[in-house]
Protein backbone atom coordinates (compact mmCIF):
# COMPACT_ATOMS: atom_id res chain seq x y z
CA MET A 1 5.05 -38.22 12.86
CA LEU A 2 5.23 -35.51 10.18
CA LEU A 3 1.45 -35.11 10.15
CA LYS A 4 1.44 -34.62 13.93
CA LEU A 5 4.02 -31.86 13.57
CA GLU A 6 1.87 -30.06 10.97
CA ARG A 7 -1.28 -30.09 13.11
CA SER A 8 0.02 -27.46 15.49
CA GLY A 9 -0.45 -24.78 12.80
CA HIS A 10 2.49 -22.58 13.69
CA THR A 11 5.99 -22.04 12.44
CA ARG A 12 9.25 -21.30 14.16
CA ASN A 13 10.48 -19.39 11.15
CA ASP A 14 8.40 -16.23 11.61
CA CYS A 15 10.60 -14.15 9.31
CA TYR A 16 10.10 -16.59 6.43
CA PHE A 17 6.34 -16.74 7.09
CA ARG A 18 5.99 -12.94 7.17
CA GLU A 19 8.05 -12.56 4.00
CA TYR A 20 5.86 -15.02 2.10
CA LYS A 21 2.66 -13.59 3.57
CA ASP A 22 3.66 -10.10 2.43
CA LYS A 23 4.47 -11.38 -1.06
CA PHE A 24 1.15 -13.20 -1.36
CA LEU A 25 -0.80 -10.27 0.09
CA THR A 26 0.82 -7.87 -2.38
CA HIS A 27 0.03 -10.28 -5.21
CA PHE A 28 -3.62 -10.68 -4.16
CA LYS A 29 -4.14 -6.95 -3.74
CA LEU A 30 -2.51 -6.30 -7.07
CA GLN A 31 -4.77 -8.81 -8.80
CA ARG A 32 -7.82 -7.24 -7.16
CA GLU A 33 -6.80 -3.77 -8.26
CA LEU A 34 -5.88 -4.84 -11.78
CA THR A 35 -9.50 -5.77 -12.35
CA SER A 36 -10.71 -2.39 -11.09
CA ARG A 37 -10.49 0.98 -12.78
CA ASN A 38 -7.57 2.02 -10.54
CA THR A 39 -4.59 2.68 -12.81
CA LEU A 40 -2.06 3.36 -10.04
CA LEU A 41 -1.40 -0.28 -9.19
CA ARG A 42 -1.55 -1.28 -12.82
CA ASP A 43 1.17 1.28 -13.59
CA LEU A 44 3.27 0.14 -10.60
CA ASN A 45 2.99 -3.45 -11.79
CA ASN A 46 3.99 -2.47 -15.32
CA MET A 47 6.96 -0.55 -13.95
CA ALA A 48 8.11 -3.57 -11.93
CA SER A 49 7.86 -6.04 -14.81
CA PRO A 50 10.48 -5.70 -17.55
CA ASP A 51 8.15 -6.95 -20.27
CA GLY A 52 5.17 -4.80 -19.23
CA THR A 53 4.02 -1.71 -21.05
CA GLN A 54 5.81 1.12 -19.31
CA PRO A 55 3.64 3.93 -17.91
CA HIS A 56 4.12 7.60 -18.78
CA ALA A 57 7.61 8.96 -18.19
CA GLN A 58 6.29 11.53 -15.68
CA PHE A 59 4.72 8.75 -13.54
CA VAL A 60 7.95 6.71 -13.66
CA ASN A 61 9.95 9.80 -12.67
CA HIS A 62 7.69 10.54 -9.68
CA ILE A 63 7.78 6.93 -8.45
CA ASN A 64 11.57 6.77 -8.80
CA GLN A 65 11.86 10.02 -6.84
CA ALA A 66 9.63 8.60 -4.10
CA VAL A 67 11.69 5.38 -3.85
CA SER A 68 14.90 7.43 -3.82
CA ALA A 69 13.56 9.74 -1.08
CA LEU A 70 12.54 6.75 1.03
CA GLY A 71 16.04 5.29 0.58
CA ARG A 72 17.64 8.55 1.69
CA ALA A 73 15.35 8.58 4.74
CA GLY A 74 16.69 5.16 5.76
CA PHE A 75 14.05 2.83 4.33
CA SER A 76 16.22 0.33 2.51
CA GLY A 77 14.95 -2.39 0.21
CA ILE A 78 11.89 -0.48 -1.00
CA ASP A 79 10.91 -1.55 -4.47
CA VAL A 80 8.10 -0.32 -6.67
CA LEU A 81 5.54 -2.96 -5.66
CA LYS A 82 6.11 -2.34 -1.94
CA LEU A 83 4.68 1.14 -2.48
CA ALA A 84 1.29 -0.56 -2.95
CA LYS A 85 1.20 -1.11 0.84
CA LEU A 86 0.74 2.64 1.25
CA LEU A 87 -2.68 2.57 -0.39
CA SER A 88 -5.78 2.78 1.78
CA SER A 89 -7.43 -0.43 2.90
CA GLN A 90 -10.44 -2.03 1.24
CA PRO A 91 -13.34 -3.97 2.81
CA SER A 92 -11.99 -7.21 1.32
CA ASP A 93 -8.53 -6.81 2.92
CA PRO A 94 -9.21 -9.16 5.88
CA ALA A 95 -10.14 -11.95 3.46
CA LEU A 96 -6.98 -11.30 1.45
CA GLU A 97 -4.93 -11.38 4.67
CA ASP A 98 -6.39 -14.79 5.53
CA MET A 99 -5.67 -16.07 2.03
CA ALA A 100 -2.10 -14.78 2.20
CA ALA A 101 -1.54 -16.40 5.62
CA ALA A 102 -2.87 -19.73 4.34
CA CYS A 103 -0.62 -19.60 1.28
CA ALA A 104 2.42 -18.60 3.38
CA GLY A 105 1.68 -21.47 5.78
CA PHE A 106 1.49 -23.87 2.86
CA GLU A 107 4.85 -22.61 1.53
CA GLY A 108 6.44 -23.14 4.95
CA ALA A 109 4.96 -26.63 5.27
CA PHE A 110 6.08 -27.49 1.76
CA HIS A 111 9.66 -26.42 2.45
CA ARG A 112 9.72 -28.27 5.78
CA ARG A 113 8.43 -31.40 4.07
CA ILE A 114 11.04 -31.20 1.31
CA ALA A 115 13.80 -30.61 3.88
CA SER A 116 12.74 -33.69 5.84
CA PHE A 117 13.54 -36.08 2.97
CA PRO A 118 17.15 -37.14 2.43
CA ALA A 119 18.76 -36.03 -0.82
């Protein structure tokens, strides 16, 4: 019965799916950019991680000002890594989107499966 439910390939919890897809997509893009010569994402990642090497103080100041300005404009919940979504797209983005959707679907199926077993 559970396998039949999983064959449909959709979820009723769209918010949960989108949240996980965004997290995976950000992670995949970050990993792609970390291997390139682009230092912007590397610095954003270092800023977001407490144990990372912190970028120059001027960069940190500019990013904090941008996040603050977005908050004042009404964009709540913006963190440093979400700024990566503002970067221009790459030719490999559709593949990363597919990978993120597959991973988000797996997370949803995993949580549904765990919830279906009695504690």
